Amino acid sequence: MQIKFSPPDITESEISEVVDTLRSGWITTGPKTKQFEKEIAAFCGTGTSVCLNSATAALELTLRVLGIGEGDEVIVPAYTYTASASVITHVGARTVIVDTAKDFPFYDPQSLADAVTPATKAVITVDLAGIMCDYDSIYAAINSRKDLFIPKNEIQRTYGRPFIIADGAHSLGAFCKGRKSGQAADFTTFSFHAVKNLTTGEGGAVTWKENAVDDDDAIYRLYQLLSLHGQSKDALAKTSLGAWEYDIVAPYYKCNMTDILASIGLAQLRRYEQTLNRRHEIIKMYNDLCDKHGLWRLSHEGKDFRSSGHLFFVRFPGKDIDYRNSFITKLAAKGVGTNVHYKPLPLLTAYADMGYDINDFPNAYEIYETEISLPLHNLLSDEEVLYVCREFEECL
């Protein structure tokens, strides 16, 4: 049996939506992208969303919307993929990496508070594996240092503290303490990459809390300008009779979503609750496996939270990186695809070259060296999940 780690889940519904778009004569940013934005906002319980060509673009444009750049610092956790951090360099700010909590791949609130300086303009949080961060503790940590905050523009003065920007690439559909992903952080970015729960092939979106800014429409228009060359009208608006005239207000960027991508997303969103429920069925089977053998695992559901079930992390207490790598090889020989999430940023050349040393991030490294991620996607049958569990036990 061959068990792929994370193939895209595409049905006839997505194919029909794409065919409809291709036949419509409108394949770039147009009516389906606008509809997808409305439906993402409605799903997240926010007033507005902006759809773009990647979560990375959404995260970078958010920093630019907030006026963050040269001379500023942005905090990011050590335990994440480079996309959470590379955007900080893109806007010219300084990347400040903070270690995780002990045996938990999220921020330690005290370490986060200690990293705030007068130059700190934002904290990027990561909803790892689809589990939302404890935003109450993160807001408390940041507010404990708000007296250090030095705003540089009007929106920064309005907030009066560093922004909390969620990298929610994994967490669409998660909730915690009565708030859905998209409602908890000041701004939240999502990924619709091919391996995500909801895919458009490539794509992303950003939402922000309702009533967080004075003028949602102005923020929306700024994202539109930044994502389409600084052009004062998008292609859809220019199709109105006599509306060809436009201006370029600044030499901005090109990262808009197309209607082809949005059409896939619309079909995916219609069955997304079913997607979430199936992922949690699989997680329960993996939980039973881990608990049977006393293995460390992330919790995806509790009294006041539920993840989006994006990734299933398991660790081997007391083992080392050689054991973990050997385990992956043994499972691969049995046809089971696994992965590792993630190499901590200081292990990567780009961040080592910035002066970061993995020895300064012992908690992140300890999690990484014994972690593997098991296959988790809607195309898995119960029989295949049981096969993964049996082969996992044999490898143990």
Protein backbone atom coordinates (compact mmCIF):
# COMPACT_ATOMS: atom_id res chain seq x y z
CA MET A 1 0.00 0.00 0.00
CA GLN A 2 1.24 3.51 -0.85
CA ILE A 3 0.12 6.33 1.46
CA LYS A 4 0.89 9.81 0.15
CA PHE A 5 1.62 12.46 2.74
CA SER A 6 -0.60 15.29 1.49
CA PRO A 7 -2.12 15.07 -2.01
CA PRO A 8 -4.60 17.77 -3.12
CA ASP A 9 -8.28 16.89 -2.64
CA ILE A 10 -9.93 17.85 -5.94
CA THR A 11 -13.43 16.70 -6.92
CA GLU A 12 -15.72 17.21 -9.91
CA SER A 13 -17.13 20.26 -8.14
CA GLU A 14 -13.79 22.10 -8.36
CA ILE A 15 -13.31 20.98 -11.97
CA SER A 16 -16.78 22.23 -12.93
CA GLU A 17 -16.14 25.61 -11.29
CA VAL A 18 -12.87 26.01 -13.20
CA VAL A 19 -14.53 25.03 -16.49
CA ASP A 20 -17.29 27.56 -15.80
CA THR A 21 -14.63 30.24 -15.26
CA LEU A 22 -12.74 29.32 -18.41
CA ARG A 23 -15.95 29.51 -20.43
CA SER A 24 -16.99 32.79 -18.85
CA GLY A 25 -14.31 34.79 -20.64
CA TRP A 26 -13.05 36.17 -17.32
CA ILE A 27 -10.05 34.30 -15.93
CA THR A 28 -8.01 36.93 -14.04
CA THR A 29 -9.15 38.91 -10.96
CA GLY A 30 -12.88 39.36 -11.41
CA PRO A 31 -16.29 38.37 -10.08
CA LYS A 32 -15.30 35.00 -8.64
CA THR A 33 -12.34 36.47 -6.74
CA LYS A 34 -14.65 39.11 -5.26
CA GLN A 35 -17.17 36.43 -4.32
CA PHE A 36 -14.46 34.28 -2.74
CA GLU A 37 -13.33 37.27 -0.65
CA LYS A 38 -16.89 37.74 0.63
CA GLU A 39 -17.28 34.06 1.46
CA ILE A 40 -13.92 33.82 3.26
CA ALA A 41 -14.87 36.87 5.37
CA ALA A 42 -18.28 35.35 6.16
CA PHE A 43 -16.70 32.01 7.09
CA CYS A 44 -14.19 33.69 9.42
CA GLY A 45 -16.77 36.05 10.92
CA THR A 46 -14.92 39.17 9.79
CA GLY A 47 -16.19 42.12 7.80
CA THR A 48 -13.68 41.94 4.99
CA SER A 49 -11.02 39.78 3.39
CA VAL A 50 -8.56 40.26 0.56
CA CYS A 51 -7.52 37.32 -1.64
CA LEU A 52 -4.01 37.26 -3.09
CA ASN A 53 -1.71 34.84 -4.92
CA SER A 54 -0.11 33.44 -1.74
CA ALA A 55 -0.11 33.64 2.03
CA THR A 56 3.41 35.04 1.79
CA ALA A 57 2.11 37.96 -0.27
CA ALA A 58 -0.69 38.46 2.25
CA LEU A 59 1.79 38.59 5.12
CA GLU A 60 4.19 40.94 3.33
CA LEU A 61 1.45 43.31 2.18
CA THR A 62 0.09 43.41 5.72
CA LEU A 63 3.45 44.64 6.99
CA ARG A 64 3.42 47.28 4.23
CA VAL A 65 -0.19 48.31 4.97
CA LEU A 66 0.90 48.90 8.58
CA GLY A 67 3.89 50.99 7.51
CA ILE A 68 6.52 48.59 8.87
CA GLY A 69 9.97 48.81 7.28
CA GLU A 70 13.49 50.16 7.74
CA GLY A 71 14.51 50.66 11.36
CA ASP A 72 11.69 48.46 12.70
CA GLU A 73 11.80 45.04 14.34
CA VAL A 74 9.32 42.20 13.88
CA ILE A 75 9.29 39.18 16.20
CA VAL A 76 8.80 35.67 14.81
CA PRO A 77 8.96 32.22 16.47
CA ALA A 78 11.91 29.92 15.86
CA TYR A 79 9.62 26.99 15.11
CA THR A 80 8.05 27.84 11.74
CA TYR A 81 8.57 27.77 7.98
CA THR A 82 10.65 30.52 6.38
CA ALA A 83 7.58 32.23 4.86
CA SER A 84 6.65 33.51 8.34
CA ALA A 85 9.97 35.33 8.55
CA SER A 86 11.23 36.10 5.03
CA VAL A 87 8.63 38.83 4.57
CA ILE A 88 10.25 40.80 7.39
CA THR A 89 13.43 41.05 5.34
CA HIS A 90 11.40 41.89 2.22
CA VAL A 91 10.10 45.10 3.83
CA GLY A 92 13.53 46.03 5.22
CA ALA A 93 12.80 45.39 8.90
CA ARG A 94 14.93 43.37 11.32
CA THR A 95 13.95 39.77 12.07
CA VAL A 96 13.88 38.95 15.80
CA ILE A 97 13.60 35.20 16.43
CA VAL A 98 12.28 33.92 19.77
CA ASP A 99 12.54 30.38 21.12
CA THR A 100 9.45 28.29 21.82
CA ALA A 101 8.15 27.20 25.17
CA LYS A 102 9.54 23.98 26.63
CA ASP A 103 7.98 20.93 24.89
CA PHE A 104 5.44 23.17 23.14
CA PRO A 105 6.04 24.67 19.67
CA PHE A 106 4.44 28.04 20.42
CA TYR A 107 5.67 31.25 22.05
CA ASP A 108 6.55 31.32 25.70
CA PRO A 109 4.75 34.55 26.78
CA GLN A 110 7.57 35.77 29.02
CA SER A 111 10.22 35.21 26.33
CA LEU A 112 7.98 37.06 23.89
CA ALA A 113 7.57 40.02 26.24
CA ASP A 114 11.32 40.10 26.89
CA ALA A 115 12.00 40.39 23.14
CA VAL A 116 9.97 43.60 22.74
CA THR A 117 12.02 46.79 22.31
CA PRO A 118 11.16 50.36 21.28
CA ALA A 119 11.80 49.28 17.68
CA THR A 120 9.25 46.42 17.80
CA LYS A 121 6.35 47.12 15.47
CA ALA A 122 4.76 43.68 15.14
CA VAL A 123 4.70 40.11 16.40
CA ILE A 124 4.01 37.34 13.90
CA THR A 125 2.29 34.41 15.58
CA VAL A 126 2.05 30.96 13.95
CA ASP A 127 -1.04 28.78 14.33
CA LEU A 128 1.03 25.64 13.95
CA ALA A 129 -0.62 22.43 12.70
CA GLY A 130 -3.94 24.30 12.61
CA ILE A 131 -3.99 24.96 16.37
CA MET A 132 -4.59 28.58 17.26
CA CYS A 133 -2.13 30.26 19.60
CA ASP A 134 -3.23 31.37 23.05
CA TYR A 135 -3.95 34.91 21.93
CA ASP A 136 -4.97 36.04 25.41
CA SER A 137 -1.45 35.37 26.69
CA ILE A 138 0.11 36.94 23.59
CA TYR A 139 -1.93 40.15 23.94
CA ALA A 140 -1.04 40.25 27.64
CA ALA A 141 2.67 39.86 26.86
CA ILE A 142 2.59 42.63 24.25
CA ASN A 143 0.46 44.99 26.34
CA SER A 144 2.90 44.56 29.24
CA ARG A 145 5.49 46.32 27.04
CA LYS A 146 3.23 48.85 25.26
CA ASP A 147 4.94 51.71 27.11
CA LEU A 148 7.99 51.03 24.88
CA PHE A 149 6.01 51.48 21.66
CA ILE A 150 7.00 54.35 19.37
CA PRO A 151 4.47 54.78 16.52
CA LYS A 152 5.55 56.09 13.11
CA ASN A 153 2.18 56.63 11.41
CA GLU A 154 -1.52 57.06 12.10
CA ILE A 155 -2.54 53.40 12.18
CA GLN A 156 0.33 52.62 14.56
CA ARG A 157 -0.78 55.50 16.79
CA THR A 158 -4.35 54.13 16.75
CA TYR A 159 -3.23 50.72 18.03
CA GLY A 160 -0.64 52.09 20.47
CA ARG A 161 1.27 48.80 20.66
CA PRO A 162 2.98 46.32 18.34
CA PHE A 163 0.55 44.66 15.94
CA ILE A 164 -0.27 40.98 16.38
CA ILE A 165 -0.29 39.37 12.94
CA ALA A 166 -1.27 35.71 12.74
CA ASP A 167 0.34 33.43 10.22
CA GLY A 168 -2.82 31.34 9.96
CA ALA A 169 -1.58 29.37 6.95
CA HIS A 170 -2.65 26.19 8.78
CA SER A 171 -5.66 27.35 10.79
CA LEU A 172 -8.61 28.25 8.55
CA GLY A 173 -11.66 26.89 10.39
CA ALA A 174 -10.03 26.59 13.81
CA PHE A 175 -11.51 28.29 16.88
CA CYS A 176 -10.35 29.04 20.41
CA LYS A 177 -12.17 30.63 23.34
CA GLY A 178 -15.13 31.69 21.22
CA ARG A 179 -13.06 33.24 18.42
CA LYS A 180 -12.49 31.77 14.99
CA SER A 181 -9.17 31.98 13.23
CA GLY A 182 -9.32 35.35 11.54
CA GLN A 183 -10.96 37.03 14.55
CA ALA A 184 -8.31 36.68 17.25
CA ALA A 185 -5.22 38.49 15.93
CA ASP A 186 -5.26 42.05 14.64
CA PHE A 187 -4.62 40.69 11.14
CA THR A 188 -4.64 37.03 10.02
CA THR A 189 -3.19 35.59 6.83
CA PHE A 190 -4.25 32.25 5.30
CA SER A 191 -2.67 29.90 2.77
CA PHE A 192 -4.48 28.03 -0.01
CA HIS A 193 -1.38 26.23 -1.23
CA ALA A 194 -1.78 22.74 -2.74
CA VAL A 195 -1.10 20.95 0.58
CA LYS A 196 -3.45 23.04 2.70
CA ASN A 197 -6.88 21.95 3.97
CA LEU A 198 -8.53 24.32 1.49
CA THR A 199 -6.57 24.79 -1.70
CA THR A 200 -6.69 27.00 -4.76
CA GLY A 201 -3.41 25.50 -6.04
CA GLU A 202 -1.55 28.62 -4.98
CA GLY A 203 -3.23 31.45 -3.15
CA GLY A 204 -3.81 33.23 0.12
CA ALA A 205 -5.98 35.71 1.95
CA VAL A 206 -5.89 38.22 4.78
CA THR A 207 -8.61 39.21 7.23
CA TRP A 208 -8.65 41.64 10.12
CA LYS A 209 -10.77 42.00 13.21
CA GLU A 210 -14.02 43.90 12.78
CA ASN A 211 -13.87 47.44 14.14
CA ALA A 212 -10.09 47.13 14.43
CA VAL A 213 -9.58 49.98 11.97
CA ASP A 214 -11.61 53.14 11.38
CA ASP A 215 -12.17 52.52 7.67
CA ASP A 216 -12.28 48.93 6.42
CA ASP A 217 -12.83 50.12 2.86
CA ALA A 218 -9.67 52.23 2.96
CA ILE A 219 -7.61 49.26 4.18
CA TYR A 220 -9.16 47.05 1.50
CA ARG A 221 -8.34 49.60 -1.22
CA LEU A 222 -4.75 49.86 0.03
CA TYR A 223 -4.33 46.07 -0.28
CA GLN A 224 -5.74 46.32 -3.81
CA LEU A 225 -3.29 49.05 -4.76
CA LEU A 226 -0.34 47.18 -3.28
CA SER A 227 -1.28 43.94 -5.05
CA LEU A 228 -1.89 45.38 -8.54
CA HIS A 229 0.93 47.77 -9.48
CA GLY A 230 -0.59 50.68 -7.57
CA GLN A 231 -3.31 50.91 -10.23
CA SER A 232 -6.32 52.93 -9.10
CA LYS A 233 -8.80 50.54 -10.77
CA ASP A 234 -8.66 46.79 -11.13
CA ALA A 235 -9.46 45.09 -14.42
CA LEU A 236 -13.05 44.36 -13.38
CA ALA A 237 -13.75 48.01 -12.56
CA LYS A 238 -12.26 49.11 -15.90
CA THR A 239 -14.81 47.03 -17.83
CA SER A 240 -17.65 49.42 -16.95
CA LEU A 241 -18.76 51.57 -19.87
CA GLY A 242 -16.35 54.46 -20.38
CA ALA A 243 -14.31 53.47 -17.30
CA TRP A 244 -10.99 52.76 -18.99
CA GLU A 245 -9.22 55.69 -17.30
CA TYR A 246 -6.90 54.84 -14.40
CA ASP A 247 -3.87 56.11 -12.50
CA ILE A 248 -0.79 54.52 -10.96
CA VAL A 249 -0.49 56.03 -7.51
CA ALA A 250 2.85 54.34 -6.65
CA PRO A 251 5.14 51.69 -8.20
CA TYR A 252 3.77 48.77 -6.17
CA TYR A 253 3.61 44.99 -6.61
CA LYS A 254 1.79 42.25 -8.55
CA CYS A 255 0.27 39.50 -6.42
CA ASN A 256 -3.47 39.44 -7.13
CA MET A 257 -5.57 36.26 -7.11
CA THR A 258 -7.16 35.12 -10.38
CA ASP A 259 -10.73 33.91 -10.93
CA ILE A 260 -9.36 30.51 -11.96
CA LEU A 261 -7.84 30.10 -8.49
CA ALA A 262 -10.88 31.59 -6.76
CA SER A 263 -13.23 29.19 -8.53
CA ILE A 264 -11.35 26.23 -7.00
CA GLY A 265 -11.59 27.91 -3.60
CA LEU A 266 -15.33 28.51 -3.89
CA ALA A 267 -15.93 24.82 -4.53
CA GLN A 268 -13.57 23.83 -1.70
CA LEU A 269 -15.27 26.17 0.75
CA ARG A 270 -18.70 24.68 0.05
CA ARG A 271 -17.53 21.34 1.50
CA TYR A 272 -15.02 22.66 4.01
CA GLU A 273 -16.98 21.71 7.14
CA GLN A 274 -16.99 18.12 5.85
CA THR A 275 -13.24 18.43 5.31
CA LEU A 276 -12.67 19.56 8.90
CA ASN A 277 -14.83 16.80 10.35
CA ARG A 278 -13.03 14.08 8.37
CA ARG A 279 -9.63 15.34 9.48
CA HIS A 280 -10.71 15.14 13.10
CA GLU A 281 -11.91 11.57 12.62
CA ILE A 282 -8.41 10.66 11.43
CA ILE A 283 -6.81 12.61 14.28
CA LYS A 284 -8.81 10.58 16.81
CA MET A 285 -7.38 7.36 15.35
CA TYR A 286 -3.85 8.76 15.58
CA ASN A 287 -4.49 10.01 19.12
CA ASP A 288 -5.42 6.49 20.20
CA LEU A 289 -2.21 5.18 18.62
CA CYS A 290 0.00 7.71 20.40
CA ASP A 291 -1.73 7.38 23.75
CA LYS A 292 -1.40 3.60 23.60
CA HIS A 293 2.38 3.96 23.37
CA GLY A 294 2.86 7.03 25.57
CA LEU A 295 4.05 9.25 22.72
CA TRP A 296 3.98 13.05 22.76
CA ARG A 297 1.36 14.60 20.48
CA LEU A 298 -0.25 17.97 19.98
CA SER A 299 -3.83 18.23 21.20
CA HIS A 300 -6.27 19.29 18.47
CA GLU A 301 -9.46 19.60 20.49
CA GLY A 302 -10.50 20.56 24.00
CA LYS A 303 -13.19 22.23 26.06
CA ASP A 304 -12.80 25.64 24.43
CA PHE A 305 -10.82 25.02 21.25
CA ARG A 306 -10.72 22.97 18.07
CA SER A 307 -8.00 23.01 15.46
CA SER A 308 -8.40 22.89 11.70
CA GLY A 309 -6.64 19.53 11.83
CA HIS A 310 -3.96 20.49 9.35
CA LEU A 311 -0.97 18.47 10.61
CA PHE A 312 -0.52 15.64 13.09
CA PHE A 313 2.69 15.97 15.11
CA VAL A 314 4.11 13.06 17.08
CA ARG A 315 7.41 12.94 19.02
CA PHE A 316 9.51 10.17 20.50
CA PRO A 317 10.45 11.07 24.09
CA GLY A 318 14.06 10.30 24.96
CA LYS A 319 15.12 9.59 21.38
CA ASP A 320 17.37 11.62 19.09
CA ILE A 321 17.49 12.90 15.53
CA ASP A 322 19.10 9.70 14.18
CA TYR A 323 16.25 7.63 15.62
CA ARG A 324 13.68 10.00 14.09
CA ASN A 325 15.32 9.93 10.65
CA SER A 326 15.62 6.14 10.74
CA PHE A 327 11.94 5.90 11.67
CA ILE A 328 10.97 8.01 8.64
CA THR A 329 13.03 5.76 6.37
CA LYS A 330 11.44 2.60 7.78
CA LEU A 331 7.93 3.97 7.24
CA ALA A 332 8.83 5.05 3.71
CA ALA A 333 9.94 1.49 2.95
CA LYS A 334 6.46 0.37 3.96
CA GLY A 335 4.86 2.92 1.61
CA VAL A 336 3.96 5.50 4.26
CA GLY A 337 4.91 9.09 3.46
CA THR A 338 5.74 11.30 6.45
CA ASN A 339 7.35 14.70 6.92
CA VAL A 340 9.06 16.91 9.51
CA HIS A 341 7.54 20.27 10.55
CA TYR A 342 9.77 22.21 10.82
CA LYS A 343 13.46 22.83 10.81
CA PRO A 344 13.76 25.76 13.26
CA LEU A 345 14.74 28.95 11.46
CA PRO A 346 18.26 29.19 12.99
CA LEU A 347 19.11 25.81 11.41
CA LEU A 348 18.64 27.32 7.94
CA THR A 349 21.52 29.08 6.17
CA ALA A 350 19.53 32.27 5.57
CA TYR A 351 18.97 32.85 9.29
CA ALA A 352 22.33 31.51 10.43
CA ASP A 353 23.82 34.15 8.12
CA MET A 354 21.84 36.76 10.08
CA GLY A 355 23.78 35.66 13.16
CA TYR A 356 21.29 33.27 14.72
CA ASP A 357 22.72 30.13 16.36
CA ILE A 358 20.53 27.08 16.96
CA ASN A 359 22.26 26.59 20.34
CA ASP A 360 20.39 29.68 21.53
CA PHE A 361 17.05 27.98 20.76
CA PRO A 362 17.22 24.70 22.71
CA ASN A 363 13.46 24.27 23.09
CA ALA A 364 12.77 24.57 19.37
CA TYR A 365 15.61 22.20 18.53
CA GLU A 366 14.49 19.61 21.09
CA ILE A 367 11.02 19.50 19.54
CA TYR A 368 12.40 19.32 15.99
CA GLU A 369 14.89 16.49 16.54
CA THR A 370 12.23 13.96 17.60
CA GLU A 371 9.18 15.12 15.58
CA ILE A 372 7.48 13.56 12.57
CA SER A 373 4.17 14.41 10.90
CA LEU A 374 1.86 11.58 9.87
CA PRO A 375 -0.31 11.62 6.73
CA LEU A 376 -3.49 13.61 7.32
CA HIS A 377 -5.87 14.40 4.46
CA ASN A 378 -9.39 13.72 3.23
CA LEU A 379 -8.36 11.16 0.63
CA LEU A 380 -7.32 8.72 3.36
CA SER A 381 -9.73 5.84 3.96
CA ASP A 382 -10.14 4.27 7.39
CA GLU A 383 -8.35 1.21 6.03
CA GLU A 384 -5.37 3.34 5.01
CA VAL A 385 -5.25 5.11 8.39
CA LEU A 386 -5.28 1.74 10.14
CA TYR A 387 -2.46 0.61 7.84
CA VAL A 388 -0.40 3.67 8.86
CA CYS A 389 -1.07 2.85 12.52
CA ARG A 390 -0.08 -0.80 12.13
CA GLU A 391 3.15 -0.01 10.30
CA PHE A 392 3.94 2.73 12.82
CA GLU A 393 3.59 0.21 15.65
CA GLU A 394 5.83 -2.26 13.84
CA CYS A 395 8.51 0.40 13.46
CA LEU A 396 8.28 1.16 17.17
